[in-house]
Amino acid sequence: MRLTLADDRGSREAAIEAYRGWIDTTDLLIGPYASSLVRAIAPLVREAGRVLWNHGGSADDLAQPGIASLPAPASSYFDGAVDQAADQKVGRLLVVQGAGPFARMIAEGATARGSERGIDSRTIEAPAVEAEELAEAAVLVAGPFEHDAGVVRGLRQRDQAPALLAAVGAGIPAFGEELGAAA
């Protein structure tokens, strides 16, 4: 048995080229990291009648034939935080959405769950946070690492703290290293 690894450098073309070379010669295909790359190679895998073990793409649309997804769908990332906000009787949910489809899927899932749980839920952009009354709000931050760190840093510098604060980036050890006590 042999394990072959390839660095696709985040390139769609490199990922497609690597998987095209492996599709007929390997017993187990483990997907690349990033939803866009998993999405790019999915047609190759399906056409060959193979299954791709997806460990690094969490976009909701990856739930499709030929892909066995291990991560939770992005739209469910904040389910626990929204449920906690509802249990704490928080009246408003603000999702601070960063750029890109990944952040959009997370924000849409959080606001939908918030609405289902009876919480007034909406999505805002980072600059709009400064104008918000936060004492009775749950603030969920969904975006790239730099976005999440910047928003949380700004929130921690305010006199008023949200009733609940969560960020996607907080799950990465570098988040705590960069923000220190603010994390």
C-alpha atoms as a PDB file:
ATOM      1  CA  MET A   1       0.000   0.000   0.000  1.00  0.00           C
ATOM      2  CA  ARG A   2       1.233   3.477  -0.879  1.00  0.00           C
ATOM      3  CA  LEU A   3       0.048   6.967   0.082  1.00  0.00           C
ATOM      4  CA  THR A   4       0.452   9.709  -2.499  1.00  0.00           C
ATOM      5  CA  LEU A   5       0.103  13.358  -1.542  1.00  0.00           C
ATOM      6  CA  ALA A   6       0.088  16.326  -3.887  1.00  0.00           C
ATOM      7  CA  ASP A   7       0.204  20.040  -3.189  1.00  0.00           C
ATOM      8  CA  ASP A   8      -2.374  21.639  -5.464  1.00  0.00           C
ATOM      9  CA  ARG A   9      -1.344  25.094  -4.146  1.00  0.00           C
ATOM     10  CA  GLY A  10      -5.040  25.982  -4.009  1.00  0.00           C
ATOM     11  CA  SER A  11      -5.168  25.824  -7.787  1.00  0.00           C
ATOM     12  CA  ARG A  12      -8.233  24.418  -9.525  1.00  0.00           C
ATOM     13  CA  GLU A  13      -6.135  23.386 -12.526  1.00  0.00           C
ATOM     14  CA  ALA A  14      -3.506  21.616 -10.384  1.00  0.00           C
ATOM     15  CA  ALA A  15      -6.209  19.738  -8.449  1.00  0.00           C
ATOM     16  CA  ILE A  16      -7.961  18.597 -11.625  1.00  0.00           C
ATOM     17  CA  GLU A  17      -4.665  17.471 -13.153  1.00  0.00           C
ATOM     18  CA  ALA A  18      -3.668  15.490 -10.045  1.00  0.00           C
ATOM     19  CA  TYR A  19      -7.031  13.739  -9.669  1.00  0.00           C
ATOM     20  CA  ARG A  20      -7.251  13.004 -13.376  1.00  0.00           C
ATOM     21  CA  GLY A  21      -3.976  11.089 -12.997  1.00  0.00           C
ATOM     22  CA  TRP A  22      -5.176   9.178  -9.936  1.00  0.00           C
ATOM     23  CA  ILE A  23      -8.760   8.391 -10.789  1.00  0.00           C
ATOM     24  CA  ASP A  24      -8.132   4.964 -12.322  1.00  0.00           C
ATOM     25  CA  THR A  25      -5.094   3.927 -10.301  1.00  0.00           C
ATOM     26  CA  THR A  26      -6.031   4.458  -6.670  1.00  0.00           C
ATOM     27  CA  ASP A  27      -8.180   2.622  -4.179  1.00  0.00           C
ATOM     28  CA  LEU A  28      -9.146   5.638  -2.085  1.00  0.00           C
ATOM     29  CA  LEU A  29      -9.539   9.248  -3.176  1.00  0.00           C
ATOM     30  CA  ILE A  30      -9.403  11.849  -0.418  1.00  0.00           C
ATOM     31  CA  GLY A  31     -10.508  15.294  -1.501  1.00  0.00           C
ATOM     32  CA  PRO A  32      -8.552  18.516  -1.560  1.00  0.00           C
ATOM     33  CA  TYR A  33      -9.004  21.321   0.955  1.00  0.00           C
ATOM     34  CA  ALA A  34     -11.541  24.020  -0.002  1.00  0.00           C
ATOM     35  CA  SER A  35     -15.046  23.716  -1.318  1.00  0.00           C
ATOM     36  CA  SER A  36     -14.146  25.252  -4.676  1.00  0.00           C
ATOM     37  CA  LEU A  37     -11.514  22.550  -5.311  1.00  0.00           C
ATOM     38  CA  VAL A  38     -13.808  19.710  -4.234  1.00  0.00           C
ATOM     39  CA  ARG A  39     -16.465  21.148  -6.546  1.00  0.00           C
ATOM     40  CA  ALA A  40     -13.933  21.268  -9.418  1.00  0.00           C
ATOM     41  CA  ILE A  41     -12.910  17.603  -9.188  1.00  0.00           C
ATOM     42  CA  ALA A  42     -16.355  16.180  -8.363  1.00  0.00           C
ATOM     43  CA  PRO A  43     -17.334  15.684 -12.038  1.00  0.00           C
ATOM     44  CA  LEU A  44     -14.149  13.665 -12.690  1.00  0.00           C
ATOM     45  CA  VAL A  45     -14.856  11.414  -9.737  1.00  0.00           C
ATOM     46  CA  ARG A  46     -18.508  10.903 -10.663  1.00  0.00           C
ATOM     47  CA  GLU A  47     -17.753  10.196 -14.324  1.00  0.00           C
ATOM     48  CA  ALA A  48     -15.311   7.471 -13.244  1.00  0.00           C
ATOM     49  CA  GLY A  49     -17.911   5.932 -10.937  1.00  0.00           C
ATOM     50  CA  ARG A  50     -15.715   6.582  -7.909  1.00  0.00           C
ATOM     51  CA  VAL A  51     -16.324   8.089  -4.471  1.00  0.00           C
ATOM     52  CA  LEU A  52     -14.395  11.074  -3.145  1.00  0.00           C
ATOM     53  CA  TRP A  53     -13.901  11.281   0.615  1.00  0.00           C
ATOM     54  CA  ASN A  54     -14.325  14.981   1.225  1.00  0.00           C
ATOM     55  CA  HIS A  55     -12.620  16.226   4.370  1.00  0.00           C
ATOM     56  CA  GLY A  56     -11.948  19.839   3.456  1.00  0.00           C
ATOM     57  CA  GLY A  57     -14.959  21.304   1.688  1.00  0.00           C
ATOM     58  CA  SER A  58     -17.987  22.308   3.733  1.00  0.00           C
ATOM     59  CA  ALA A  59     -20.142  24.168   1.214  1.00  0.00           C
ATOM     60  CA  ASP A  60     -23.718  22.943   1.372  1.00  0.00           C
ATOM     61  CA  ASP A  61     -23.855  22.173  -2.345  1.00  0.00           C
ATOM     62  CA  LEU A  62     -21.195  19.452  -1.974  1.00  0.00           C
ATOM     63  CA  ALA A  63     -23.846  17.042  -0.725  1.00  0.00           C
ATOM     64  CA  GLN A  64     -24.079  15.272  -4.058  1.00  0.00           C
ATOM     65  CA  PRO A  65     -23.594  11.810  -5.542  1.00  0.00           C
ATOM     66  CA  GLY A  66     -20.010  10.571  -5.483  1.00  0.00           C
ATOM     67  CA  ILE A  67     -18.948  12.743  -2.550  1.00  0.00           C
ATOM     68  CA  ALA A  68     -18.834  11.399   1.000  1.00  0.00           C
ATOM     69  CA  SER A  69     -18.542  14.573   3.075  1.00  0.00           C
ATOM     70  CA  LEU A  70     -17.060  14.431   6.540  1.00  0.00           C
ATOM     71  CA  PRO A  71     -17.364  18.098   7.605  1.00  0.00           C
ATOM     72  CA  ALA A  72     -20.639  19.617   8.692  1.00  0.00           C
ATOM     73  CA  PRO A  73     -22.269  21.812   6.057  1.00  0.00           C
ATOM     74  CA  ALA A  74     -21.290  25.473   6.377  1.00  0.00           C
ATOM     75  CA  SER A  75     -24.919  26.470   6.925  1.00  0.00           C
ATOM     76  CA  SER A  76     -24.894  24.542  10.209  1.00  0.00           C
ATOM     77  CA  TYR A  77     -21.674  25.993  11.674  1.00  0.00           C
ATOM     78  CA  PHE A  78     -23.486  28.299  14.090  1.00  0.00           C
ATOM     79  CA  ASP A  79     -26.402  26.009  15.001  1.00  0.00           C
ATOM     80  CA  GLY A  80     -25.082  25.526  18.535  1.00  0.00           C
ATOM     81  CA  ALA A  81     -24.466  29.239  19.076  1.00  0.00           C
ATOM     82  CA  VAL A  82     -27.944  30.125  17.796  1.00  0.00           C
ATOM     83  CA  ASP A  83     -29.492  27.483  20.055  1.00  0.00           C
ATOM     84  CA  GLN A  84     -27.552  28.892  23.005  1.00  0.00           C
ATOM     85  CA  ALA A  85     -28.794  32.400  22.161  1.00  0.00           C
ATOM     86  CA  ALA A  86     -32.379  31.117  22.068  1.00  0.00           C
ATOM     87  CA  ASP A  87     -31.911  29.305  25.393  1.00  0.00           C
ATOM     88  CA  GLN A  88     -30.565  32.541  26.908  1.00  0.00           C
ATOM     89  CA  LYS A  89     -33.622  34.416  25.545  1.00  0.00           C
ATOM     90  CA  VAL A  90     -31.461  36.741  23.450  1.00  0.00           C
ATOM     91  CA  GLY A  91     -33.804  38.887  21.362  1.00  0.00           C
ATOM     92  CA  ARG A  92     -31.578  39.789  18.397  1.00  0.00           C
ATOM     93  CA  LEU A  93     -29.078  37.909  16.281  1.00  0.00           C
ATOM     94  CA  LEU A  94     -26.556  39.834  14.199  1.00  0.00           C
ATOM     95  CA  VAL A  95     -24.420  37.865  11.769  1.00  0.00           C
ATOM     96  CA  VAL A  96     -21.400  39.879  10.659  1.00  0.00           C
ATOM     97  CA  GLN A  97     -20.752  38.412   7.222  1.00  0.00           C
ATOM     98  CA  GLY A  98     -17.418  38.648   5.475  1.00  0.00           C
ATOM     99  CA  ALA A  99     -16.761  38.249   1.780  1.00  0.00           C
ATOM    100  CA  GLY A 100     -17.254  35.104  -0.257  1.00  0.00           C
ATOM    101  CA  PRO A 101     -19.664  32.223  -0.701  1.00  0.00           C
ATOM    102  CA  PHE A 102     -18.406  30.335   2.368  1.00  0.00           C
ATOM    103  CA  ALA A 103     -19.280  33.249   4.672  1.00  0.00           C
ATOM    104  CA  ARG A 104     -22.607  33.712   2.872  1.00  0.00           C
ATOM    105  CA  MET A 105     -23.585  30.058   3.464  1.00  0.00           C
ATOM    106  CA  ILE A 106     -22.709  30.329   7.140  1.00  0.00           C
ATOM    107  CA  ALA A 107     -24.648  33.590   7.521  1.00  0.00           C
ATOM    108  CA  GLU A 108     -27.702  32.278   5.682  1.00  0.00           C
ATOM    109  CA  GLY A 109     -27.756  29.162   7.851  1.00  0.00           C
ATOM    110  CA  ALA A 110     -27.402  31.149  11.078  1.00  0.00           C
ATOM    111  CA  THR A 111     -30.112  33.675  10.234  1.00  0.00           C
ATOM    112  CA  ALA A 112     -32.472  30.917   9.097  1.00  0.00           C
ATOM    113  CA  ARG A 113     -31.927  28.987  12.332  1.00  0.00           C
ATOM    114  CA  GLY A 114     -32.324  32.163  14.355  1.00  0.00           C
ATOM    115  CA  SER A 115     -35.646  32.879  12.674  1.00  0.00           C
ATOM    116  CA  GLU A 116     -36.759  29.294  13.288  1.00  0.00           C
ATOM    117  CA  ARG A 117     -35.924  29.749  16.977  1.00  0.00           C
ATOM    118  CA  GLY A 118     -37.901  33.014  17.172  1.00  0.00           C
ATOM    119  CA  ILE A 119     -34.943  35.389  17.239  1.00  0.00           C
ATOM    120  CA  ASP A 120     -34.974  38.601  15.190  1.00  0.00           C
ATOM    121  CA  SER A 121     -32.064  37.715  12.867  1.00  0.00           C
ATOM    122  CA  ARG A 122     -30.220  39.672  10.232  1.00  0.00           C
ATOM    123  CA  THR A 123     -26.917  39.877   8.415  1.00  0.00           C
ATOM    124  CA  ILE A 124     -24.743  42.981   8.541  1.00  0.00           C
ATOM    125  CA  GLU A 125     -21.333  44.007   7.254  1.00  0.00           C
ATOM    126  CA  ALA A 126     -18.421  44.692   9.605  1.00  0.00           C
ATOM    127  CA  PRO A 127     -18.587  48.529   9.510  1.00  0.00           C
ATOM    128  CA  ALA A 128     -22.271  48.429  10.573  1.00  0.00           C
ATOM    129  CA  VAL A 129     -21.398  46.759  13.898  1.00  0.00           C
ATOM    130  CA  GLU A 130     -20.277  50.092  15.359  1.00  0.00           C
ATOM    131  CA  ALA A 131     -23.814  51.519  15.094  1.00  0.00           C
ATOM    132  CA  GLU A 132     -25.493  48.530  16.746  1.00  0.00           C
ATOM    133  CA  GLU A 133     -26.736  48.272  20.318  1.00  0.00           C
ATOM    134  CA  LEU A 134     -25.128  45.024  21.469  1.00  0.00           C
ATOM    135  CA  ALA A 135     -26.220  44.407  25.069  1.00  0.00           C
ATOM    136  CA  GLU A 136     -29.230  42.296  24.081  1.00  0.00           C
ATOM    137  CA  ALA A 137     -27.747  40.811  20.913  1.00  0.00           C
ATOM    138  CA  ALA A 138     -25.910  37.673  19.930  1.00  0.00           C
ATOM    139  CA  VAL A 139     -23.153  38.521  17.445  1.00  0.00           C
ATOM    140  CA  LEU A 140     -21.894  35.783  15.158  1.00  0.00           C
ATOM    141  CA  VAL A 141     -18.898  36.551  12.926  1.00  0.00           C
ATOM    142  CA  ALA A 142     -18.505  34.629   9.675  1.00  0.00           C
ATOM    143  CA  GLY A 143     -15.727  35.365   7.232  1.00  0.00           C
ATOM    144  CA  PRO A 144     -12.096  34.802   6.445  1.00  0.00           C
ATOM    145  CA  PHE A 145      -9.708  34.668   9.402  1.00  0.00           C
ATOM    146  CA  GLU A 146      -8.580  38.301   9.091  1.00  0.00           C
ATOM    147  CA  HIS A 147     -12.204  39.487   8.979  1.00  0.00           C
ATOM    148  CA  ASP A 148     -13.195  37.513  12.059  1.00  0.00           C
ATOM    149  CA  ALA A 149     -10.142  38.625  14.036  1.00  0.00           C
ATOM    150  CA  GLY A 150     -10.712  42.278  13.096  1.00  0.00           C
ATOM    151  CA  VAL A 151     -14.403  42.250  14.014  1.00  0.00           C
ATOM    152  CA  VAL A 152     -13.818  40.513  17.353  1.00  0.00           C
ATOM    153  CA  ARG A 153     -10.919  42.852  18.159  1.00  0.00           C
ATOM    154  CA  GLY A 154     -13.192  45.837  17.473  1.00  0.00           C
ATOM    155  CA  LEU A 155     -16.027  44.414  19.569  1.00  0.00           C
ATOM    156  CA  ARG A 156     -13.706  43.800  22.509  1.00  0.00           C
ATOM    157  CA  GLN A 157     -12.581  47.445  22.429  1.00  0.00           C
ATOM    158  CA  ARG A 158     -16.138  48.702  22.933  1.00  0.00           C
ATOM    159  CA  ASP A 159     -17.600  49.517  26.324  1.00  0.00           C
ATOM    160  CA  GLN A 160     -20.618  47.366  25.566  1.00  0.00           C
ATOM    161  CA  ALA A 161     -20.270  43.604  25.039  1.00  0.00           C
ATOM    162  CA  PRO A 162     -22.770  41.439  23.174  1.00  0.00           C
ATOM    163  CA  ALA A 163     -24.860  38.942  25.128  1.00  0.00           C
ATOM    164  CA  LEU A 164     -23.143  36.169  23.145  1.00  0.00           C
ATOM    165  CA  LEU A 165     -20.201  36.313  20.739  1.00  0.00           C
ATOM    166  CA  ALA A 166     -18.992  33.588  18.373  1.00  0.00           C
ATOM    167  CA  ALA A 167     -16.670  33.593  15.357  1.00  0.00           C
ATOM    168  CA  VAL A 168     -15.787  30.951  12.793  1.00  0.00           C
ATOM    169  CA  GLY A 169     -12.126  31.937  13.059  1.00  0.00           C
ATOM    170  CA  ALA A 170     -12.150  31.250  16.808  1.00  0.00           C
ATOM    171  CA  GLY A 171     -11.771  27.540  16.066  1.00  0.00           C
ATOM    172  CA  ILE A 172      -8.260  28.089  14.724  1.00  0.00           C
ATOM    173  CA  PRO A 173      -5.398  28.174  17.279  1.00  0.00           C
ATOM    174  CA  ALA A 174      -3.906  31.251  15.563  1.00  0.00           C
ATOM    175  CA  PHE A 175      -7.050  33.187  16.538  1.00  0.00           C
ATOM    176  CA  GLY A 176      -6.166  33.003  20.214  1.00  0.00           C
ATOM    177  CA  GLU A 177      -2.514  33.679  19.485  1.00  0.00           C
ATOM    178  CA  GLU A 178      -3.350  36.817  17.514  1.00  0.00           C
ATOM    179  CA  LEU A 179      -6.053  38.223  19.797  1.00  0.00           C
ATOM    180  CA  GLY A 180      -4.759  37.108  23.185  1.00  0.00           C
ATOM    181  CA  ALA A 181      -7.272  37.834  25.966  1.00  0.00           C
ATOM    182  CA  ALA A 182      -9.708  39.349  23.430  1.00  0.00           C
ATOM    183  CA  ALA A 183     -10.234  35.874  21.983  1.00  0.00           C
END
